[in-house]
Amino acid sequence: MARTPSNMLPLGTKAPHFNLQDTVSGEHLSLNNLKGNIGTVIMFICNHCPFVIHVNKELVALSNDYFSKGISFVAISSNDAINYPQDAPDKMKVHAEVENYAFPYLYDETQEVANAYDAACTPDFYIFDKDLELVYRGQIDDSRPGNNLPVNGKDLRHALDCLLENKQNTVNQKPSIGCNIKWKN
């Protein structure tokens, strides 16, 4: 497994807008349609990455725990589906249904959205406040495949709790580690 760290986009960065197809509903959805009243979590994930597979249950738990508190979750796959057909939109739909994703799973075919967010790996996490300004970027927690640490979403949960309590997150934000985004040639 390649271990690619996330690029740490500067805090305060405005969320780049997008309009992408949701692989489950078939609808085109924009950031403005999807943003939460309090905050928005943007996740770059894919179907086949062992790092994403490792945290899938926690992604579902996080979205279920925070959605009613005004936090929306959006998953985006930007992988090259020609060279990685397991990440194609039809497979994304099946994957989202099997994993019980309660959030949209969008396909970034042109990879322009991944570039705009400076996304580097899967999973890669960004939390934006109600004004769509970046307040967190980095890992979900310290667990990785094979390190025997529990997947508990500690870092992401702490950042979301800080946002909900309107206090600054003073905890060191660590980069996520995962498979690199499968860029087109």
N, C-alpha and C. Protein backbone atom coordinates (compact mmCIF):
# COMPACT_ATOMS: atom_id res chain seq x y z
N MET A 1 0.84 -1.19 0.00
CA MET A 1 0.00 0.00 0.00
C MET A 1 0.88 1.25 0.00
N ALA A 2 0.65 2.10 -0.95
CA ALA A 2 1.34 3.39 -0.96
C ALA A 2 0.73 4.26 0.14
N ARG A 3 1.55 5.05 0.79
CA ARG A 3 1.07 5.93 1.87
C ARG A 3 1.32 7.37 1.45
N THR A 4 0.26 8.01 0.97
CA THR A 4 0.34 9.39 0.52
C THR A 4 -0.31 10.29 1.57
N PRO A 5 0.40 11.31 2.06
CA PRO A 5 -0.23 12.24 3.00
C PRO A 5 -1.06 13.28 2.28
N SER A 6 -2.03 13.83 3.00
CA SER A 6 -2.83 14.91 2.42
C SER A 6 -2.01 16.19 2.38
N ASN A 7 -2.34 17.03 1.43
CA ASN A 7 -1.79 18.38 1.38
C ASN A 7 -2.60 19.20 2.38
N MET A 8 -1.95 20.01 3.15
CA MET A 8 -2.65 20.75 4.20
C MET A 8 -3.05 22.14 3.68
N LEU A 9 -4.21 22.19 3.04
CA LEU A 9 -4.77 23.44 2.53
C LEU A 9 -4.82 24.46 3.67
N PRO A 10 -4.47 25.73 3.43
CA PRO A 10 -4.46 26.72 4.52
C PRO A 10 -5.84 26.89 5.16
N LEU A 11 -5.87 26.92 6.49
CA LEU A 11 -7.12 27.21 7.20
C LEU A 11 -7.64 28.56 6.76
N GLY A 12 -8.96 28.68 6.70
CA GLY A 12 -9.58 29.92 6.24
C GLY A 12 -9.86 29.93 4.75
N THR A 13 -9.30 28.97 4.01
CA THR A 13 -9.56 28.87 2.57
C THR A 13 -11.07 28.69 2.33
N LYS A 14 -11.60 29.41 1.36
CA LYS A 14 -13.01 29.25 0.99
C LYS A 14 -13.17 27.95 0.21
N ALA A 15 -14.24 27.24 0.48
CA ALA A 15 -14.50 25.98 -0.21
C ALA A 15 -14.72 26.23 -1.70
N PRO A 16 -13.94 25.59 -2.55
CA PRO A 16 -14.19 25.71 -3.99
C PRO A 16 -15.56 25.12 -4.35
N HIS A 17 -16.28 25.84 -5.17
CA HIS A 17 -17.62 25.37 -5.55
C HIS A 17 -17.52 24.24 -6.57
N PHE A 18 -18.55 23.43 -6.60
CA PHE A 18 -18.63 22.33 -7.55
C PHE A 18 -20.07 22.03 -7.86
N ASN A 19 -20.26 21.31 -8.95
CA ASN A 19 -21.56 20.80 -9.36
C ASN A 19 -21.26 19.45 -10.00
N LEU A 20 -21.52 18.38 -9.25
CA LEU A 20 -21.15 17.03 -9.69
C LEU A 20 -22.34 16.09 -9.61
N GLN A 21 -22.25 15.00 -10.36
CA GLN A 21 -23.32 14.01 -10.35
C GLN A 21 -23.21 13.11 -9.13
N ASP A 22 -24.33 12.97 -8.42
CA ASP A 22 -24.43 12.01 -7.33
C ASP A 22 -24.67 10.64 -7.96
N THR A 23 -23.79 9.70 -7.66
CA THR A 23 -23.87 8.39 -8.31
C THR A 23 -25.06 7.57 -7.81
N VAL A 24 -25.64 7.93 -6.68
CA VAL A 24 -26.78 7.18 -6.16
C VAL A 24 -28.09 7.69 -6.76
N SER A 25 -28.33 9.00 -6.69
CA SER A 25 -29.60 9.56 -7.18
C SER A 25 -29.55 9.89 -8.67
N GLY A 26 -28.34 10.08 -9.21
CA GLY A 26 -28.20 10.48 -10.60
C GLY A 26 -28.32 11.99 -10.80
N GLU A 27 -28.66 12.73 -9.74
CA GLU A 27 -28.81 14.18 -9.83
C GLU A 27 -27.47 14.88 -9.77
N HIS A 28 -27.42 16.07 -10.40
CA HIS A 28 -26.25 16.93 -10.25
C HIS A 28 -26.48 17.79 -9.01
N LEU A 29 -25.50 17.80 -8.12
CA LEU A 29 -25.61 18.52 -6.86
C LEU A 29 -24.45 19.49 -6.73
N SER A 30 -24.76 20.67 -6.20
CA SER A 30 -23.72 21.69 -6.03
C SER A 30 -23.41 21.85 -4.55
N LEU A 31 -22.28 22.46 -4.27
CA LEU A 31 -21.90 22.74 -2.89
C LEU A 31 -22.99 23.57 -2.21
N ASN A 32 -23.55 24.54 -2.92
CA ASN A 32 -24.60 25.37 -2.32
C ASN A 32 -25.83 24.56 -1.93
N ASN A 33 -26.15 23.50 -2.70
CA ASN A 33 -27.28 22.63 -2.36
C ASN A 33 -26.97 21.76 -1.15
N LEU A 34 -25.70 21.44 -0.96
CA LEU A 34 -25.31 20.44 0.01
C LEU A 34 -24.78 20.98 1.33
N LYS A 35 -24.42 22.25 1.38
CA LYS A 35 -23.77 22.78 2.59
C LYS A 35 -24.71 22.73 3.79
N GLY A 36 -24.11 22.49 4.94
CA GLY A 36 -24.88 22.43 6.18
C GLY A 36 -25.08 23.80 6.80
N ASN A 37 -26.05 23.91 7.70
CA ASN A 37 -26.32 25.18 8.38
C ASN A 37 -25.17 25.59 9.29
N ILE A 38 -24.48 24.61 9.87
CA ILE A 38 -23.37 24.89 10.79
C ILE A 38 -22.02 24.59 10.12
N GLY A 39 -21.96 23.50 9.37
CA GLY A 39 -20.70 23.13 8.73
C GLY A 39 -20.90 22.05 7.68
N THR A 40 -19.84 21.84 6.92
CA THR A 40 -19.86 20.88 5.82
C THR A 40 -18.55 20.10 5.82
N VAL A 41 -18.69 18.79 5.78
CA VAL A 41 -17.52 17.91 5.68
C VAL A 41 -17.43 17.42 4.24
N ILE A 42 -16.30 17.72 3.60
CA ILE A 42 -16.03 17.22 2.25
C ILE A 42 -14.99 16.12 2.40
N MET A 43 -15.31 14.94 1.85
CA MET A 43 -14.41 13.78 1.95
C MET A 43 -14.07 13.29 0.56
N PHE A 44 -12.79 13.17 0.27
CA PHE A 44 -12.36 12.53 -0.97
C PHE A 44 -12.08 11.07 -0.62
N ILE A 45 -12.87 10.19 -1.22
CA ILE A 45 -12.77 8.76 -0.94
C ILE A 45 -12.84 8.00 -2.26
N CYS A 46 -12.77 6.69 -2.19
CA CYS A 46 -13.01 5.85 -3.36
C CYS A 46 -13.44 4.48 -2.86
N ASN A 47 -13.79 3.61 -3.77
CA ASN A 47 -14.29 2.29 -3.40
C ASN A 47 -13.22 1.33 -2.95
N HIS A 48 -12.07 1.33 -3.61
CA HIS A 48 -11.12 0.22 -3.44
C HIS A 48 -9.98 0.48 -2.47
N CYS A 49 -9.76 1.70 -2.04
CA CYS A 49 -8.61 2.03 -1.19
C CYS A 49 -8.74 1.35 0.18
N PRO A 50 -7.72 0.60 0.61
CA PRO A 50 -7.78 -0.06 1.92
C PRO A 50 -7.90 0.92 3.09
N PHE A 51 -7.38 2.13 2.92
CA PHE A 51 -7.49 3.14 3.98
C PHE A 51 -8.93 3.62 4.13
N VAL A 52 -9.65 3.74 3.01
CA VAL A 52 -11.06 4.13 3.05
C VAL A 52 -11.90 2.97 3.58
N ILE A 53 -11.65 1.78 3.08
CA ILE A 53 -12.38 0.60 3.56
C ILE A 53 -12.24 0.48 5.07
N HIS A 54 -11.06 0.79 5.58
CA HIS A 54 -10.77 0.71 7.01
C HIS A 54 -11.66 1.65 7.84
N VAL A 55 -12.05 2.80 7.29
CA VAL A 55 -12.82 3.80 8.05
C VAL A 55 -14.28 3.92 7.61
N ASN A 56 -14.74 3.11 6.66
CA ASN A 56 -16.09 3.26 6.13
C ASN A 56 -17.18 3.28 7.20
N LYS A 57 -17.13 2.37 8.15
CA LYS A 57 -18.17 2.32 9.18
C LYS A 57 -18.18 3.60 10.01
N GLU A 58 -17.00 4.15 10.29
CA GLU A 58 -16.93 5.40 11.05
C GLU A 58 -17.43 6.58 10.23
N LEU A 59 -17.23 6.57 8.91
CA LEU A 59 -17.78 7.64 8.07
C LEU A 59 -19.30 7.68 8.19
N VAL A 60 -19.91 6.49 8.15
CA VAL A 60 -21.36 6.39 8.28
C VAL A 60 -21.79 6.85 9.67
N ALA A 61 -21.07 6.40 10.71
CA ALA A 61 -21.41 6.79 12.09
C ALA A 61 -21.29 8.30 12.28
N LEU A 62 -20.21 8.88 11.78
CA LEU A 62 -20.02 10.33 11.88
C LEU A 62 -21.17 11.09 11.24
N SER A 63 -21.50 10.71 10.02
CA SER A 63 -22.56 11.43 9.32
C SER A 63 -23.90 11.27 10.05
N ASN A 64 -24.15 10.08 10.58
CA ASN A 64 -25.39 9.87 11.34
C ASN A 64 -25.40 10.66 12.64
N ASP A 65 -24.25 10.77 13.30
CA ASP A 65 -24.16 11.49 14.58
C ASP A 65 -24.27 13.00 14.44
N TYR A 66 -23.78 13.55 13.33
CA TYR A 66 -23.68 15.01 13.22
C TYR A 66 -24.68 15.65 12.27
N PHE A 67 -25.33 14.86 11.43
CA PHE A 67 -26.26 15.45 10.45
C PHE A 67 -27.37 16.25 11.14
N SER A 68 -27.94 15.70 12.19
CA SER A 68 -29.04 16.39 12.88
C SER A 68 -28.57 17.65 13.62
N LYS A 69 -27.26 17.83 13.73
CA LYS A 69 -26.70 19.00 14.41
C LYS A 69 -26.35 20.12 13.42
N GLY A 70 -26.71 19.93 12.15
CA GLY A 70 -26.47 20.97 11.15
C GLY A 70 -25.19 20.81 10.36
N ILE A 71 -24.60 19.61 10.43
CA ILE A 71 -23.38 19.33 9.68
C ILE A 71 -23.74 18.41 8.50
N SER A 72 -23.40 18.83 7.30
CA SER A 72 -23.63 17.96 6.14
C SER A 72 -22.33 17.27 5.75
N PHE A 73 -22.46 16.13 5.14
CA PHE A 73 -21.33 15.33 4.67
C PHE A 73 -21.47 15.09 3.18
N VAL A 74 -20.36 15.21 2.47
CA VAL A 74 -20.33 14.99 1.03
C VAL A 74 -19.09 14.17 0.71
N ALA A 75 -19.28 13.06 0.01
CA ALA A 75 -18.14 12.24 -0.43
C ALA A 75 -17.95 12.44 -1.92
N ILE A 76 -16.68 12.53 -2.33
CA ILE A 76 -16.33 12.73 -3.73
C ILE A 76 -15.26 11.72 -4.10
N SER A 77 -15.44 11.05 -5.23
CA SER A 77 -14.37 10.22 -5.79
C SER A 77 -13.88 10.90 -7.06
N SER A 78 -12.57 11.07 -7.13
CA SER A 78 -11.95 11.72 -8.29
C SER A 78 -11.04 10.77 -9.05
N ASN A 79 -11.06 9.50 -8.69
CA ASN A 79 -10.16 8.55 -9.33
C ASN A 79 -10.47 8.34 -10.80
N ASP A 80 -9.44 8.07 -11.57
CA ASP A 80 -9.54 7.75 -12.99
C ASP A 80 -10.26 6.40 -13.12
N ALA A 81 -11.50 6.44 -13.57
CA ALA A 81 -12.31 5.22 -13.65
C ALA A 81 -11.95 4.35 -14.85
N ILE A 82 -11.20 4.88 -15.80
CA ILE A 82 -10.79 4.06 -16.94
C ILE A 82 -9.70 3.08 -16.50
N ASN A 83 -8.70 3.58 -15.80
CA ASN A 83 -7.63 2.71 -15.32
C ASN A 83 -7.96 2.02 -14.01
N TYR A 84 -8.98 2.50 -13.31
CA TYR A 84 -9.42 1.92 -12.04
C TYR A 84 -10.93 1.71 -12.11
N PRO A 85 -11.38 0.73 -12.91
CA PRO A 85 -12.82 0.55 -13.15
C PRO A 85 -13.63 0.24 -11.89
N GLN A 86 -12.98 -0.24 -10.83
CA GLN A 86 -13.70 -0.49 -9.58
C GLN A 86 -14.19 0.82 -8.95
N ASP A 87 -13.68 1.96 -9.43
CA ASP A 87 -14.11 3.27 -8.93
C ASP A 87 -15.03 3.99 -9.91
N ALA A 88 -15.57 3.28 -10.86
CA ALA A 88 -16.50 3.88 -11.83
C ALA A 88 -17.82 4.22 -11.16
N PRO A 89 -18.56 5.19 -11.70
CA PRO A 89 -19.81 5.64 -11.08
C PRO A 89 -20.82 4.52 -10.79
N ASP A 90 -20.97 3.55 -11.69
CA ASP A 90 -21.93 2.48 -11.41
C ASP A 90 -21.50 1.65 -10.20
N LYS A 91 -20.20 1.46 -10.04
CA LYS A 91 -19.68 0.72 -8.88
C LYS A 91 -19.76 1.59 -7.61
N MET A 92 -19.62 2.90 -7.78
CA MET A 92 -19.76 3.82 -6.64
C MET A 92 -21.18 3.73 -6.07
N LYS A 93 -22.17 3.68 -6.95
CA LYS A 93 -23.56 3.58 -6.50
C LYS A 93 -23.77 2.33 -5.66
N VAL A 94 -23.30 1.20 -6.16
CA VAL A 94 -23.44 -0.07 -5.43
C VAL A 94 -22.71 0.01 -4.09
N HIS A 95 -21.50 0.55 -4.12
CA HIS A 95 -20.70 0.68 -2.91
C HIS A 95 -21.41 1.53 -1.86
N ALA A 96 -21.96 2.66 -2.27
CA ALA A 96 -22.67 3.55 -1.35
C ALA A 96 -23.87 2.85 -0.73
N GLU A 97 -24.57 2.07 -1.52
CA GLU A 97 -25.74 1.35 -1.01
C GLU A 97 -25.32 0.24 -0.04
N VAL A 98 -24.28 -0.50 -0.37
CA VAL A 98 -23.80 -1.58 0.50
C VAL A 98 -23.28 -1.02 1.83
N GLU A 99 -22.57 0.09 1.77
CA GLU A 99 -21.98 0.69 2.98
C GLU A 99 -22.98 1.55 3.75
N ASN A 100 -24.19 1.73 3.21
CA ASN A 100 -25.23 2.55 3.85
C ASN A 100 -24.82 4.01 4.00
N TYR A 101 -24.19 4.55 2.97
CA TYR A 101 -23.83 5.97 3.01
C TYR A 101 -25.11 6.80 3.11
N ALA A 102 -25.15 7.66 4.10
CA ALA A 102 -26.29 8.56 4.28
C ALA A 102 -25.99 9.92 3.68
N PHE A 103 -24.96 9.99 2.88
CA PHE A 103 -24.51 11.24 2.27
C PHE A 103 -24.33 11.01 0.78
N PRO A 104 -24.36 12.07 -0.02
CA PRO A 104 -24.15 11.91 -1.46
C PRO A 104 -22.72 11.43 -1.75
N TYR A 105 -22.60 10.64 -2.78
CA TYR A 105 -21.30 10.11 -3.24
C TYR A 105 -21.13 10.58 -4.68
N LEU A 106 -20.40 11.68 -4.85
CA LEU A 106 -20.29 12.37 -6.13
C LEU A 106 -19.07 11.90 -6.92
N TYR A 107 -19.20 11.97 -8.25
CA TYR A 107 -18.10 11.58 -9.12
C TYR A 107 -17.52 12.81 -9.80
N ASP A 108 -16.21 13.00 -9.62
CA ASP A 108 -15.45 14.12 -10.18
C ASP A 108 -14.67 13.60 -11.40
N GLU A 109 -15.38 13.41 -12.50
CA GLU A 109 -14.78 12.80 -13.69
C GLU A 109 -13.60 13.59 -14.23
N THR A 110 -13.69 14.91 -14.22
CA THR A 110 -12.62 15.74 -14.79
C THR A 110 -11.44 15.94 -13.82
N GLN A 111 -11.63 15.60 -12.58
CA GLN A 111 -10.66 15.76 -11.50
C GLN A 111 -10.40 17.23 -11.16
N GLU A 112 -11.22 18.12 -11.71
CA GLU A 112 -11.07 19.55 -11.42
C GLU A 112 -11.37 19.87 -9.96
N VAL A 113 -12.31 19.16 -9.37
CA VAL A 113 -12.67 19.44 -7.98
C VAL A 113 -11.54 19.00 -7.04
N ALA A 114 -10.98 17.82 -7.29
CA ALA A 114 -9.85 17.35 -6.48
C ALA A 114 -8.69 18.35 -6.58
N ASN A 115 -8.43 18.84 -7.77
CA ASN A 115 -7.38 19.85 -7.95
C ASN A 115 -7.70 21.13 -7.19
N ALA A 116 -8.94 21.57 -7.25
CA ALA A 116 -9.34 22.82 -6.57
C ALA A 116 -9.17 22.70 -5.06
N TYR A 117 -9.41 21.51 -4.51
CA TYR A 117 -9.27 21.28 -3.07
C TYR A 117 -7.84 20.87 -2.69
N ASP A 118 -6.97 20.71 -3.67
CA ASP A 118 -5.61 20.24 -3.45
C ASP A 118 -5.61 18.88 -2.75
N ALA A 119 -6.60 18.07 -3.09
CA ALA A 119 -6.72 16.72 -2.51
C ALA A 119 -5.58 15.86 -3.04
N ALA A 120 -5.07 15.00 -2.18
CA ALA A 120 -3.93 14.17 -2.57
C ALA A 120 -4.18 12.69 -2.37
N CYS A 121 -5.03 12.35 -1.40
CA CYS A 121 -5.16 10.94 -1.04
C CYS A 121 -6.61 10.60 -0.72
N THR A 122 -6.83 9.31 -0.58
CA THR A 122 -8.12 8.81 -0.10
C THR A 122 -7.85 7.98 1.15
N PRO A 123 -8.49 8.34 2.25
CA PRO A 123 -9.44 9.44 2.43
C PRO A 123 -8.72 10.76 2.71
N ASP A 124 -9.34 11.84 2.32
CA ASP A 124 -8.86 13.19 2.59
C ASP A 124 -10.07 13.97 3.10
N PHE A 125 -9.94 14.64 4.24
CA PHE A 125 -11.08 15.28 4.91
C PHE A 125 -10.89 16.78 5.04
N TYR A 126 -11.99 17.51 4.83
CA TYR A 126 -12.03 18.96 4.98
C TYR A 126 -13.31 19.33 5.70
N ILE A 127 -13.20 20.19 6.71
CA ILE A 127 -14.40 20.71 7.39
C ILE A 127 -14.45 22.21 7.16
N PHE A 128 -15.60 22.66 6.66
CA PHE A 128 -15.84 24.08 6.42
C PHE A 128 -16.96 24.56 7.34
N ASP A 129 -16.86 25.80 7.79
CA ASP A 129 -17.89 26.37 8.66
C ASP A 129 -19.09 26.82 7.83
N LYS A 130 -20.04 27.48 8.48
CA LYS A 130 -21.28 27.90 7.78
C LYS A 130 -21.02 28.88 6.65
N ASP A 131 -19.88 29.57 6.72
CA ASP A 131 -19.51 30.51 5.67
C ASP A 131 -18.61 29.86 4.62
N LEU A 132 -18.46 28.55 4.71
CA LEU A 132 -17.63 27.75 3.81
C LEU A 132 -16.16 28.13 3.88
N GLU A 133 -15.70 28.47 5.09
CA GLU A 133 -14.28 28.70 5.33
C GLU A 133 -13.70 27.48 6.03
N LEU A 134 -12.52 27.07 5.60
CA LEU A 134 -11.89 25.86 6.11
C LEU A 134 -11.48 26.02 7.57
N VAL A 135 -11.96 25.09 8.41
CA VAL A 135 -11.60 25.10 9.82
C VAL A 135 -10.82 23.84 10.21
N TYR A 136 -10.83 22.82 9.35
CA TYR A 136 -10.08 21.59 9.64
C TYR A 136 -9.77 20.89 8.32
N ARG A 137 -8.57 20.30 8.28
CA ARG A 137 -8.20 19.41 7.18
C ARG A 137 -7.22 18.42 7.76
N GLY A 138 -7.36 17.18 7.32
CA GLY A 138 -6.44 16.16 7.83
C GLY A 138 -7.11 14.83 8.06
N GLN A 139 -6.63 14.13 9.09
CA GLN A 139 -7.02 12.74 9.31
C GLN A 139 -8.32 12.62 10.10
N ILE A 140 -8.92 11.44 9.97
CA ILE A 140 -10.11 11.11 10.75
C ILE A 140 -9.70 10.74 12.18
N ASP A 141 -8.60 10.00 12.31
CA ASP A 141 -8.01 9.61 13.59
C ASP A 141 -6.67 8.95 13.31
N ASP A 142 -6.04 8.38 14.33
CA ASP A 142 -4.70 7.78 14.18
C ASP A 142 -4.72 6.35 13.65
N SER A 143 -5.88 5.74 13.48
CA SER A 143 -5.96 4.36 13.03
C SER A 143 -5.62 4.24 11.55
N ARG A 144 -4.87 3.20 11.23
CA ARG A 144 -4.53 2.86 9.85
C ARG A 144 -4.64 1.34 9.72
N PRO A 145 -4.84 0.84 8.52
CA PRO A 145 -4.87 -0.61 8.36
C PRO A 145 -3.59 -1.23 8.93
N GLY A 146 -3.78 -2.17 9.83
CA GLY A 146 -2.64 -2.92 10.38
C GLY A 146 -1.98 -2.33 11.60
N ASN A 147 -2.36 -1.11 12.06
CA ASN A 147 -1.67 -0.57 13.24
C ASN A 147 -2.39 -0.88 14.55
N ASN A 148 -3.50 -1.59 14.49
CA ASN A 148 -4.24 -2.07 15.66
C ASN A 148 -4.80 -0.97 16.55
N LEU A 149 -4.87 0.26 16.07
CA LEU A 149 -5.53 1.33 16.81
C LEU A 149 -7.00 1.36 16.39
N PRO A 150 -7.91 1.65 17.32
CA PRO A 150 -9.33 1.65 16.97
C PRO A 150 -9.69 2.81 16.05
N VAL A 151 -10.62 2.55 15.17
CA VAL A 151 -11.18 3.61 14.33
C VAL A 151 -12.28 4.26 15.16
N ASN A 152 -12.05 5.50 15.60
CA ASN A 152 -13.03 6.18 16.46
C ASN A 152 -13.37 7.59 15.98
N GLY A 153 -12.72 8.04 14.91
CA GLY A 153 -13.01 9.36 14.37
C GLY A 153 -12.62 10.51 15.28
N LYS A 154 -11.72 10.25 16.22
CA LYS A 154 -11.36 11.21 17.28
C LYS A 154 -11.02 12.61 16.75
N ASP A 155 -10.16 12.70 15.76
CA ASP A 155 -9.73 14.01 15.27
C ASP A 155 -10.88 14.75 14.58
N LEU A 156 -11.61 14.06 13.74
CA LEU A 156 -12.72 14.68 13.03
C LEU A 156 -13.84 15.06 14.01
N ARG A 157 -14.13 14.18 14.96
CA ARG A 157 -15.16 14.46 15.96
C ARG A 157 -14.79 15.68 16.80
N HIS A 158 -13.53 15.76 17.20
CA HIS A 158 -13.10 16.91 17.99
C HIS A 158 -13.27 18.21 17.20
N ALA A 159 -12.86 18.19 15.94
CA ALA A 159 -12.99 19.38 15.10
C ALA A 159 -14.46 19.76 14.91
N LEU A 160 -15.32 18.78 14.73
CA LEU A 160 -16.75 19.07 14.57
C LEU A 160 -17.35 19.60 15.87
N ASP A 161 -16.94 19.05 17.01
CA ASP A 161 -17.44 19.54 18.29
C ASP A 161 -16.98 20.98 18.53
N CYS A 162 -15.74 21.29 18.17
CA CYS A 162 -15.27 22.68 18.29
C CYS A 162 -16.12 23.61 17.44
N LEU A 163 -16.43 23.19 16.23
CA LEU A 163 -17.26 24.00 15.34
C LEU A 163 -18.65 24.21 15.96
N LEU A 164 -19.24 23.15 16.48
CA LEU A 164 -20.57 23.25 17.08
C LEU A 164 -20.57 24.13 18.34
N GLU A 165 -19.48 24.10 19.08
CA GLU A 165 -19.38 24.89 20.31
C GLU A 165 -18.81 26.29 20.05
N ASN A 166 -18.55 26.59 18.78
CA ASN A 166 -18.02 27.89 18.36
C ASN A 166 -16.72 28.24 19.09
N LYS A 167 -15.85 27.24 19.21
CA LYS A 167 -14.54 27.50 19.81
C LYS A 167 -13.44 27.04 18.86
N GLN A 168 -12.28 27.65 19.00
CA GLN A 168 -11.17 27.35 18.12
C GLN A 168 -10.61 25.97 18.43
N ASN A 169 -10.29 25.24 17.39
CA ASN A 169 -9.66 23.93 17.52
C ASN A 169 -8.15 24.16 17.66
N THR A 170 -7.63 23.95 18.85
CA THR A 170 -6.21 24.18 19.09
C THR A 170 -5.38 22.90 19.01
N VAL A 171 -6.03 21.77 18.73
CA VAL A 171 -5.31 20.51 18.60
C VAL A 171 -4.57 20.49 17.27
N ASN A 172 -3.36 19.97 17.29
CA ASN A 172 -2.55 19.85 16.07
C ASN A 172 -3.32 19.05 15.02
N GLN A 173 -3.44 19.61 13.83
CA GLN A 173 -4.14 18.92 12.74
C GLN A 173 -3.13 18.12 11.93
N LYS A 174 -3.29 16.80 11.96
CA LYS A 174 -2.36 15.89 11.30
C LYS A 174 -2.89 15.53 9.91
N PRO A 175 -1.99 15.43 8.93
CA PRO A 175 -2.44 15.03 7.60
C PRO A 175 -3.06 13.64 7.61
N SER A 176 -4.02 13.45 6.75
CA SER A 176 -4.54 12.11 6.51
C SER A 176 -3.47 11.33 5.75
N ILE A 177 -3.55 10.04 5.82
CA ILE A 177 -2.64 9.16 5.06
C ILE A 177 -3.53 8.19 4.31
N GLY A 178 -3.23 7.96 3.05
CA GLY A 178 -4.03 7.01 2.28
C GLY A 178 -3.40 6.74 0.93
N CYS A 179 -4.19 6.13 0.07
CA CYS A 179 -3.75 5.88 -1.30
C CYS A 179 -3.81 7.21 -2.06
N ASN A 180 -2.89 7.40 -2.98
CA ASN A 180 -2.94 8.62 -3.78
C ASN A 180 -4.18 8.61 -4.66
N ILE A 181 -4.68 9.80 -4.96
CA ILE A 181 -5.75 9.89 -5.95
C ILE A 181 -5.19 9.40 -7.27
N LYS A 182 -5.96 8.60 -7.97
CA LYS A 182 -5.53 8.01 -9.24
C LYS A 182 -5.79 9.02 -10.36
N TRP A 183 -4.74 9.81 -10.61
CA TRP A 183 -4.85 10.89 -11.60
C TRP A 183 -4.82 10.35 -13.01
N LYS A 184 -5.53 11.04 -13.89
CA LYS A 184 -5.47 10.71 -15.32
C LYS A 184 -4.13 11.17 -15.89
N ASN A 185 -3.68 10.50 -16.92
CA ASN A 185 -2.39 10.87 -17.54
C ASN A 185 -2.54 12.15 -18.34
